[in-house]
């Protein structure tokens, strides 16, 4: 949950800064900083839960190869 809140804080700041730079309006920047990151934060939270569940399900399969194994090769 801390990771999600940290992500949300960074996302709010980025959204506000970009909207403010494009429009010059604190109101528009504030609205964009509330709406867009709030939606993304909720989606991110559920994405993390689903990803975690996927990893555990995949890890519990006996003799299962990691489909991304090639990315870890050094």
N, C-alpha and C. Protein backbone atom coordinates (compact mmCIF):
# COMPACT_ATOMS: atom_id res chain seq x y z
N UNK A 1 0.83 -1.19 0.00
CA UNK A 1 0.00 0.00 0.00
C UNK A 1 0.88 1.26 0.00
N UNK A 2 2.02 1.20 0.67
CA UNK A 2 2.92 2.35 0.70
C UNK A 2 3.44 2.65 -0.71
N UNK A 3 3.75 1.58 -1.45
CA UNK A 3 4.22 1.75 -2.83
C UNK A 3 3.15 2.45 -3.67
N UNK A 4 1.90 2.06 -3.49
CA UNK A 4 0.80 2.66 -4.23
C UNK A 4 0.64 4.13 -3.88
N UNK A 5 0.73 4.47 -2.59
CA UNK A 5 0.61 5.87 -2.16
C UNK A 5 1.78 6.71 -2.67
N UNK A 6 2.98 6.13 -2.66
CA UNK A 6 4.15 6.84 -3.19
C UNK A 6 3.96 7.11 -4.68
N UNK A 7 3.50 6.10 -5.42
CA UNK A 7 3.23 6.26 -6.84
C UNK A 7 2.19 7.35 -7.07
N UNK A 8 1.15 7.34 -6.25
CA UNK A 8 0.08 8.33 -6.40
C UNK A 8 0.61 9.74 -6.19
N UNK A 9 1.43 9.93 -5.18
CA UNK A 9 2.00 11.26 -4.90
C UNK A 9 2.82 11.76 -6.08
N UNK A 10 3.69 10.92 -6.59
CA UNK A 10 4.51 11.31 -7.75
C UNK A 10 3.63 11.61 -8.96
N UNK A 11 2.64 10.78 -9.17
CA UNK A 11 1.76 10.95 -10.32
C UNK A 11 0.96 12.26 -10.21
N UNK A 12 0.45 12.58 -9.03
CA UNK A 12 -0.27 13.83 -8.82
C UNK A 12 0.62 15.02 -9.16
N UNK A 13 1.86 14.98 -8.69
CA UNK A 13 2.79 16.10 -8.94
C UNK A 13 3.09 16.25 -10.42
N UNK A 14 3.34 15.15 -11.10
CA UNK A 14 3.64 15.21 -12.54
C UNK A 14 2.43 15.71 -13.31
N UNK A 15 1.25 15.18 -12.99
CA UNK A 15 0.03 15.60 -13.70
C UNK A 15 -0.23 17.09 -13.51
N UNK A 16 -0.07 17.58 -12.28
CA UNK A 16 -0.30 19.00 -12.03
C UNK A 16 0.70 19.84 -12.82
N UNK A 17 1.96 19.47 -12.74
CA UNK A 17 3.01 20.27 -13.41
C UNK A 17 2.77 20.33 -14.91
N UNK A 18 2.49 19.21 -15.53
CA UNK A 18 2.28 19.20 -16.98
C UNK A 18 1.04 19.99 -17.36
N UNK A 19 -0.07 19.78 -16.66
CA UNK A 19 -1.30 20.52 -16.97
C UNK A 19 -1.11 22.01 -16.75
N UNK A 20 -0.41 22.38 -15.69
CA UNK A 20 -0.16 23.79 -15.40
C UNK A 20 0.72 24.42 -16.49
N UNK A 21 1.77 23.70 -16.89
CA UNK A 21 2.66 24.23 -17.93
C UNK A 21 1.94 24.40 -19.27
N UNK A 22 1.03 23.50 -19.59
CA UNK A 22 0.29 23.60 -20.85
C UNK A 22 -0.79 24.68 -20.81
N UNK A 23 -1.44 24.86 -19.66
CA UNK A 23 -2.58 25.78 -19.61
C UNK A 23 -2.29 27.08 -18.88
N UNK A 24 -1.32 27.08 -17.96
CA UNK A 24 -1.05 28.25 -17.15
C UNK A 24 -2.11 28.47 -16.07
N UNK A 25 -3.00 27.50 -15.90
CA UNK A 25 -4.08 27.62 -14.94
C UNK A 25 -3.87 26.67 -13.76
N UNK A 26 -3.86 27.24 -12.57
CA UNK A 26 -3.74 26.42 -11.37
C UNK A 26 -4.99 25.54 -11.21
N UNK A 27 -6.16 26.08 -11.56
CA UNK A 27 -7.40 25.32 -11.46
C UNK A 27 -7.38 24.10 -12.37
N UNK A 28 -7.04 24.30 -13.63
CA UNK A 28 -6.98 23.17 -14.57
C UNK A 28 -5.90 22.19 -14.14
N UNK A 29 -4.76 22.70 -13.72
CA UNK A 29 -3.68 21.82 -13.24
C UNK A 29 -4.13 21.01 -12.05
N UNK A 30 -4.84 21.65 -11.13
CA UNK A 30 -5.34 20.95 -9.95
C UNK A 30 -6.37 19.89 -10.29
N UNK A 31 -7.28 20.23 -11.19
CA UNK A 31 -8.30 19.25 -11.61
C UNK A 31 -7.66 18.05 -12.30
N UNK A 32 -6.73 18.32 -13.20
CA UNK A 32 -6.05 17.23 -13.88
C UNK A 32 -5.23 16.38 -12.91
N UNK A 33 -4.64 17.04 -11.93
CA UNK A 33 -3.84 16.33 -10.93
C UNK A 33 -4.70 15.45 -10.04
N UNK A 34 -5.97 15.74 -9.94
CA UNK A 34 -6.87 14.92 -9.13
C UNK A 34 -7.52 13.80 -9.93
N UNK A 35 -7.97 14.11 -11.12
CA UNK A 35 -8.76 13.15 -11.89
C UNK A 35 -7.91 12.06 -12.52
N UNK A 36 -6.96 12.43 -13.34
CA UNK A 36 -6.20 11.44 -14.10
C UNK A 36 -5.37 10.52 -13.20
N UNK A 37 -4.57 11.03 -12.29
CA UNK A 37 -3.79 10.12 -11.43
C UNK A 37 -4.66 9.29 -10.49
N UNK A 38 -5.78 9.82 -10.06
CA UNK A 38 -6.67 9.04 -9.19
C UNK A 38 -7.14 7.79 -9.93
N UNK A 39 -7.53 7.95 -11.17
CA UNK A 39 -7.95 6.80 -11.98
C UNK A 39 -6.79 5.83 -12.18
N UNK A 40 -5.63 6.35 -12.52
CA UNK A 40 -4.47 5.50 -12.74
C UNK A 40 -4.02 4.78 -11.47
N UNK A 41 -4.15 5.43 -10.33
CA UNK A 41 -3.74 4.83 -9.06
C UNK A 41 -4.62 3.63 -8.73
N UNK A 42 -5.91 3.76 -8.95
CA UNK A 42 -6.83 2.65 -8.71
C UNK A 42 -6.49 1.49 -9.66
N UNK A 43 -6.28 1.80 -10.92
CA UNK A 43 -5.95 0.78 -11.89
C UNK A 43 -4.61 0.12 -11.53
N UNK A 44 -3.63 0.92 -11.12
CA UNK A 44 -2.32 0.40 -10.74
C UNK A 44 -2.42 -0.57 -9.57
N UNK A 45 -3.23 -0.23 -8.58
CA UNK A 45 -3.41 -1.08 -7.40
C UNK A 45 -3.93 -2.46 -7.81
N UNK A 46 -4.95 -2.49 -8.64
CA UNK A 46 -5.51 -3.76 -9.08
C UNK A 46 -4.57 -4.51 -10.02
N UNK A 47 -3.82 -3.76 -10.82
CA UNK A 47 -2.82 -4.38 -11.69
C UNK A 47 -1.76 -5.08 -10.85
N UNK A 48 -1.29 -4.44 -9.79
CA UNK A 48 -0.28 -5.04 -8.92
C UNK A 48 -0.82 -6.31 -8.26
N UNK A 49 -2.05 -6.27 -7.81
CA UNK A 49 -2.67 -7.45 -7.18
C UNK A 49 -2.77 -8.60 -8.18
N UNK A 50 -3.23 -8.29 -9.39
CA UNK A 50 -3.36 -9.32 -10.42
C UNK A 50 -1.99 -9.88 -10.81
N UNK A 51 -1.01 -9.01 -10.92
CA UNK A 51 0.35 -9.43 -11.30
C UNK A 51 0.93 -10.34 -10.22
N UNK A 52 0.74 -9.95 -8.97
CA UNK A 52 1.22 -10.74 -7.84
C UNK A 52 0.56 -12.12 -7.86
N UNK A 53 -0.73 -12.17 -8.07
CA UNK A 53 -1.47 -13.43 -8.13
C UNK A 53 -0.96 -14.28 -9.30
N UNK A 54 -0.69 -13.66 -10.43
CA UNK A 54 -0.17 -14.36 -11.61
C UNK A 54 1.19 -14.98 -11.30
N UNK A 55 2.06 -14.23 -10.64
CA UNK A 55 3.39 -14.73 -10.31
C UNK A 55 3.31 -15.92 -9.36
N UNK A 56 2.44 -15.83 -8.36
CA UNK A 56 2.31 -16.93 -7.41
C UNK A 56 1.71 -18.17 -8.07
N UNK A 57 0.75 -18.00 -8.93
CA UNK A 57 0.14 -19.13 -9.62
C UNK A 57 1.16 -19.79 -10.54
N UNK A 58 1.97 -18.96 -11.18
CA UNK A 58 2.98 -19.48 -12.10
C UNK A 58 4.08 -20.19 -11.33
N UNK A 59 4.47 -19.67 -10.18
CA UNK A 59 5.55 -20.25 -9.38
C UNK A 59 5.14 -21.57 -8.76
N UNK A 60 3.85 -21.77 -8.52
CA UNK A 60 3.39 -23.00 -7.88
C UNK A 60 3.25 -24.16 -8.86
N UNK A 61 3.36 -23.89 -10.15
CA UNK A 61 3.29 -24.93 -11.16
C UNK A 61 4.62 -25.69 -11.18
N UNK A 62 4.61 -27.00 -10.94
CA UNK A 62 5.87 -27.74 -10.91
C UNK A 62 6.55 -27.75 -12.27
N UNK A 63 7.86 -27.59 -12.24
CA UNK A 63 8.70 -27.61 -13.45
C UNK A 63 8.30 -26.57 -14.48
N UNK A 64 7.67 -25.51 -14.04
CA UNK A 64 7.27 -24.46 -14.99
C UNK A 64 8.46 -23.55 -15.27
N UNK A 65 8.64 -23.24 -16.53
CA UNK A 65 9.71 -22.32 -16.91
C UNK A 65 9.18 -20.91 -16.89
N UNK A 66 10.03 -19.99 -16.49
CA UNK A 66 9.67 -18.58 -16.49
C UNK A 66 9.65 -18.10 -17.93
N UNK A 67 8.51 -17.58 -18.38
CA UNK A 67 8.41 -17.13 -19.77
C UNK A 67 9.33 -15.95 -20.07
N UNK A 68 9.81 -15.30 -19.02
CA UNK A 68 10.73 -14.17 -19.19
C UNK A 68 12.15 -14.54 -18.75
N UNK A 69 12.43 -15.80 -18.71
CA UNK A 69 13.72 -16.29 -18.25
C UNK A 69 14.88 -15.70 -19.05
N UNK A 70 14.67 -15.52 -20.33
CA UNK A 70 15.70 -14.98 -21.20
C UNK A 70 16.15 -13.60 -20.76
N UNK A 71 15.26 -12.83 -20.12
CA UNK A 71 15.60 -11.47 -19.70
C UNK A 71 16.55 -11.45 -18.50
N UNK A 72 16.60 -12.55 -17.75
CA UNK A 72 17.46 -12.60 -16.56
C UNK A 72 18.84 -13.12 -16.85
N UNK A 73 19.05 -13.68 -18.02
CA UNK A 73 20.35 -14.26 -18.35
C UNK A 73 21.41 -13.18 -18.39
N UNK A 74 22.51 -13.46 -17.74
CA UNK A 74 23.59 -12.46 -17.69
C UNK A 74 24.77 -12.90 -18.49
